[in-house]
N, C-alpha and C. Protein backbone atom coordinates (compact mmCIF):
# COMPACT_ATOMS: atom_id res chain seq x y z
N UNK A 1 90.72 120.54 86.41
CA UNK A 1 92.07 120.88 85.98
C UNK A 1 92.50 119.83 84.95
N UNK A 2 93.28 120.23 83.99
CA UNK A 2 93.83 119.33 83.02
C UNK A 2 95.33 119.52 83.00
N UNK A 3 96.04 118.58 83.53
CA UNK A 3 97.50 118.69 83.59
C UNK A 3 98.07 118.29 82.22
N UNK A 4 98.88 119.15 81.69
CA UNK A 4 99.44 118.88 80.33
C UNK A 4 100.77 118.12 80.42
N UNK A 5 101.02 117.32 79.43
CA UNK A 5 102.29 116.54 79.39
C UNK A 5 103.50 117.43 79.47
N UNK A 6 103.41 118.61 78.81
CA UNK A 6 104.54 119.51 78.85
C UNK A 6 104.86 120.01 80.24
N UNK A 7 103.80 120.21 81.04
CA UNK A 7 104.00 120.66 82.43
C UNK A 7 104.59 119.54 83.25
N UNK A 8 104.15 118.31 83.05
CA UNK A 8 104.68 117.16 83.80
C UNK A 8 106.12 116.94 83.48
N UNK A 9 106.50 117.16 82.22
CA UNK A 9 107.89 116.96 81.80
C UNK A 9 108.86 117.91 82.52
N UNK A 10 108.36 119.05 83.00
CA UNK A 10 109.26 119.98 83.72
C UNK A 10 109.51 119.58 85.13
N UNK A 11 108.81 118.57 85.63
CA UNK A 11 108.95 118.12 87.01
C UNK A 11 109.98 116.97 87.02
N UNK A 12 111.17 117.28 87.44
CA UNK A 12 112.29 116.33 87.34
C UNK A 12 112.72 115.87 88.74
N UNK A 13 112.74 114.55 88.87
CA UNK A 13 113.15 113.93 90.12
C UNK A 13 114.54 114.37 90.51
N UNK A 14 114.71 114.81 91.76
CA UNK A 14 116.00 115.21 92.25
C UNK A 14 116.40 116.66 91.93
N UNK A 15 115.55 117.37 91.15
CA UNK A 15 115.86 118.74 90.75
C UNK A 15 114.80 119.75 91.07
N UNK A 16 113.53 119.42 90.74
CA UNK A 16 112.45 120.38 90.84
C UNK A 16 112.02 120.58 92.30
N UNK A 17 111.89 121.86 92.70
CA UNK A 17 111.48 122.17 94.05
C UNK A 17 109.96 122.31 94.08
N UNK A 18 109.43 122.18 95.31
CA UNK A 18 107.97 122.25 95.51
C UNK A 18 107.38 123.55 94.98
N UNK A 19 108.08 124.64 95.17
CA UNK A 19 107.62 125.95 94.68
C UNK A 19 107.47 125.94 93.15
N UNK A 20 108.39 125.29 92.49
CA UNK A 20 108.31 125.21 91.03
C UNK A 20 107.14 124.35 90.52
N UNK A 21 106.77 123.33 91.33
CA UNK A 21 105.60 122.53 91.01
C UNK A 21 104.37 123.37 91.11
N UNK A 22 104.24 124.16 92.17
CA UNK A 22 103.11 125.04 92.35
C UNK A 22 103.00 126.02 91.18
N UNK A 23 104.12 126.57 90.78
CA UNK A 23 104.09 127.52 89.65
C UNK A 23 103.69 126.85 88.35
N UNK A 24 104.11 125.62 88.11
CA UNK A 24 103.79 124.90 86.89
C UNK A 24 102.38 124.37 86.86
N UNK A 25 101.88 123.87 88.00
CA UNK A 25 100.59 123.19 88.03
C UNK A 25 99.51 123.86 88.82
N UNK A 26 99.84 124.83 89.67
CA UNK A 26 98.85 125.50 90.48
C UNK A 26 98.56 124.71 91.74
N UNK A 27 97.42 125.00 92.37
CA UNK A 27 97.02 124.36 93.60
C UNK A 27 96.69 122.89 93.37
N UNK A 28 97.19 122.02 94.21
CA UNK A 28 96.86 120.62 94.08
C UNK A 28 95.48 120.27 94.60
N UNK A 29 94.99 119.09 94.22
CA UNK A 29 93.70 118.63 94.74
C UNK A 29 93.82 118.05 96.15
N UNK A 30 95.03 117.60 96.46
CA UNK A 30 95.23 116.96 97.76
C UNK A 30 96.67 117.26 98.21
N UNK A 31 96.88 117.54 99.52
CA UNK A 31 98.19 117.73 100.08
C UNK A 31 98.29 116.88 101.35
N UNK A 32 99.39 116.13 101.44
CA UNK A 32 99.61 115.36 102.67
C UNK A 32 99.75 116.32 103.88
N UNK A 33 99.31 115.88 105.04
CA UNK A 33 99.39 116.76 106.22
C UNK A 33 100.78 117.35 106.45
N UNK A 34 101.82 116.58 106.17
CA UNK A 34 103.17 117.11 106.40
C UNK A 34 103.75 117.79 105.12
N UNK A 35 102.96 117.90 104.07
CA UNK A 35 103.40 118.55 102.88
C UNK A 35 104.31 117.77 101.98
N UNK A 36 104.51 116.51 102.32
CA UNK A 36 105.52 115.71 101.55
C UNK A 36 104.96 115.10 100.29
N UNK A 37 103.62 115.26 100.06
CA UNK A 37 103.03 114.69 98.87
C UNK A 37 101.93 115.61 98.33
N UNK A 38 101.93 115.80 97.04
CA UNK A 38 100.86 116.57 96.35
C UNK A 38 100.19 115.61 95.36
N UNK A 39 98.86 115.81 95.19
CA UNK A 39 98.12 115.04 94.23
C UNK A 39 97.29 115.95 93.35
N UNK A 40 97.43 115.79 92.02
CA UNK A 40 96.63 116.56 91.08
C UNK A 40 95.76 115.54 90.32
N UNK A 41 94.46 115.86 90.18
CA UNK A 41 93.52 114.98 89.50
C UNK A 41 92.89 115.68 88.30
N UNK A 42 92.60 114.91 87.28
CA UNK A 42 91.86 115.43 86.12
C UNK A 42 91.22 114.32 85.38
N UNK A 43 90.22 114.64 84.54
CA UNK A 43 89.50 113.65 83.75
C UNK A 43 89.55 114.07 82.30
N UNK A 44 89.75 113.07 81.44
CA UNK A 44 89.68 113.30 79.99
C UNK A 44 88.71 112.31 79.34
N UNK A 45 88.01 112.78 78.34
CA UNK A 45 87.16 111.84 77.60
C UNK A 45 88.07 111.15 76.59
N UNK A 46 88.13 109.83 76.68
CA UNK A 46 89.05 109.05 75.81
C UNK A 46 88.33 108.33 74.69
N UNK A 47 87.02 108.24 74.77
CA UNK A 47 86.25 107.56 73.74
C UNK A 47 84.80 108.03 73.76
N UNK A 48 84.16 107.96 72.66
CA UNK A 48 82.75 108.27 72.55
C UNK A 48 82.08 107.05 71.89
N UNK A 49 80.95 106.63 72.42
CA UNK A 49 80.30 105.50 71.83
C UNK A 49 78.89 105.86 71.42
N UNK A 50 78.40 105.16 70.42
CA UNK A 50 77.05 105.38 69.94
C UNK A 50 76.48 104.05 69.48
N UNK A 51 75.20 103.90 69.70
CA UNK A 51 74.49 102.69 69.28
C UNK A 51 73.10 103.11 68.83
N UNK A 52 72.65 102.47 67.83
CA UNK A 52 71.34 102.74 67.30
C UNK A 52 70.59 101.49 66.95
N UNK A 53 69.27 101.63 67.00
CA UNK A 53 68.41 100.54 66.57
C UNK A 53 67.11 101.20 66.11
N UNK A 54 66.16 100.37 65.75
CA UNK A 54 64.89 100.97 65.33
C UNK A 54 64.12 101.55 66.52
N UNK A 55 64.62 101.33 67.74
CA UNK A 55 64.00 101.95 68.93
C UNK A 55 64.57 103.33 69.23
N UNK A 56 65.64 103.65 68.60
CA UNK A 56 66.27 104.96 68.85
C UNK A 56 67.78 104.83 68.95
N UNK A 57 68.39 105.90 69.25
CA UNK A 57 69.85 105.90 69.34
C UNK A 57 70.25 106.31 70.79
N UNK A 58 71.40 105.84 71.17
CA UNK A 58 71.95 106.24 72.45
C UNK A 58 73.46 106.36 72.27
N UNK A 59 74.07 106.95 73.21
CA UNK A 59 75.53 107.13 73.14
C UNK A 59 76.01 107.78 74.41
N UNK A 60 77.34 107.95 74.45
CA UNK A 60 77.90 108.58 75.65
C UNK A 60 79.39 108.68 75.51
N UNK A 61 79.96 109.23 76.56
CA UNK A 61 81.40 109.40 76.62
C UNK A 61 81.99 108.41 77.57
N UNK A 62 83.23 108.01 77.31
CA UNK A 62 83.96 107.13 78.22
C UNK A 62 85.13 107.92 78.79
N UNK A 63 84.98 108.41 80.02
CA UNK A 63 86.04 109.23 80.62
C UNK A 63 87.10 108.36 81.28
N UNK A 64 88.27 108.93 81.39
CA UNK A 64 89.36 108.31 82.14
C UNK A 64 89.88 109.31 83.16
N UNK A 65 90.05 108.87 84.39
CA UNK A 65 90.51 109.72 85.48
C UNK A 65 92.00 109.52 85.65
N UNK A 66 92.70 110.61 85.81
CA UNK A 66 94.12 110.58 86.02
C UNK A 66 94.48 111.25 87.34
N UNK A 67 95.58 110.85 87.91
CA UNK A 67 96.11 111.55 89.06
C UNK A 67 97.65 111.53 88.99
N UNK A 68 98.20 112.68 89.23
CA UNK A 68 99.66 112.82 89.29
C UNK A 68 100.01 112.94 90.77
N UNK A 69 100.83 112.03 91.23
CA UNK A 69 101.26 112.00 92.63
C UNK A 69 102.73 112.40 92.65
N UNK A 70 103.03 113.44 93.42
CA UNK A 70 104.41 113.92 93.55
C UNK A 70 104.81 113.88 95.02
N UNK A 71 105.88 113.20 95.29
CA UNK A 71 106.42 113.18 96.65
C UNK A 71 107.73 113.96 96.72
N UNK A 72 107.97 114.54 97.89
CA UNK A 72 109.16 115.40 98.06
C UNK A 72 110.04 114.86 99.17
N UNK A 73 111.32 115.14 99.05
CA UNK A 73 112.22 114.78 100.11
C UNK A 73 112.22 115.84 101.22
N UNK A 74 113.06 115.69 102.22
CA UNK A 74 113.05 116.63 103.35
C UNK A 74 113.49 118.04 102.97
N UNK A 75 114.16 118.18 101.80
CA UNK A 75 114.56 119.52 101.32
C UNK A 75 113.52 120.17 100.44
N UNK A 76 112.39 119.47 100.21
CA UNK A 76 111.37 120.06 99.33
C UNK A 76 111.63 119.86 97.84
N UNK A 77 112.43 118.85 97.53
CA UNK A 77 112.78 118.56 96.14
C UNK A 77 112.05 117.26 95.76
N UNK A 78 111.59 117.19 94.49
CA UNK A 78 110.82 116.03 94.01
C UNK A 78 111.64 114.76 94.19
N UNK A 79 111.07 113.83 94.92
CA UNK A 79 111.72 112.53 95.12
C UNK A 79 111.16 111.50 94.17
N UNK A 80 109.87 111.68 93.82
CA UNK A 80 109.19 110.71 92.91
C UNK A 80 107.98 111.37 92.31
N UNK A 81 107.66 111.00 91.09
CA UNK A 81 106.39 111.42 90.49
C UNK A 81 105.83 110.24 89.72
N UNK A 82 104.50 110.12 89.78
CA UNK A 82 103.83 108.98 89.16
C UNK A 82 102.46 109.42 88.64
N UNK A 83 102.10 108.95 87.44
CA UNK A 83 100.78 109.19 86.93
C UNK A 83 100.01 107.85 87.03
N UNK A 84 98.84 107.92 87.61
CA UNK A 84 97.95 106.76 87.66
C UNK A 84 96.70 107.09 86.86
N UNK A 85 96.12 106.08 86.24
CA UNK A 85 94.94 106.29 85.42
C UNK A 85 93.97 105.14 85.63
N UNK A 86 92.69 105.47 85.57
CA UNK A 86 91.65 104.44 85.67
C UNK A 86 90.43 104.83 84.83
N UNK A 87 89.80 103.83 84.29
CA UNK A 87 88.57 104.09 83.55
C UNK A 87 87.44 104.33 84.52
N UNK A 88 86.54 105.23 84.20
CA UNK A 88 85.43 105.54 85.06
C UNK A 88 84.20 104.84 84.63
């Protein structure tokens, strides 16, 4: 899954309901047992590297993993949202 910035922008703390998050982003990758937190994960290639020598060439992609963590209050309204990223 690739979560788009436009979709994340529609998730507003104190306003967006859990049902609206599901409609905007679909099924999450992880759900807290009590349903108070959803996690969406995706990976993007952020760089491509290449190196060459008289022995040959090599190269590869440098991916970055993202996760969007959304927590809800007792009414099912977004209490907090956070994007975390790490190089793989």
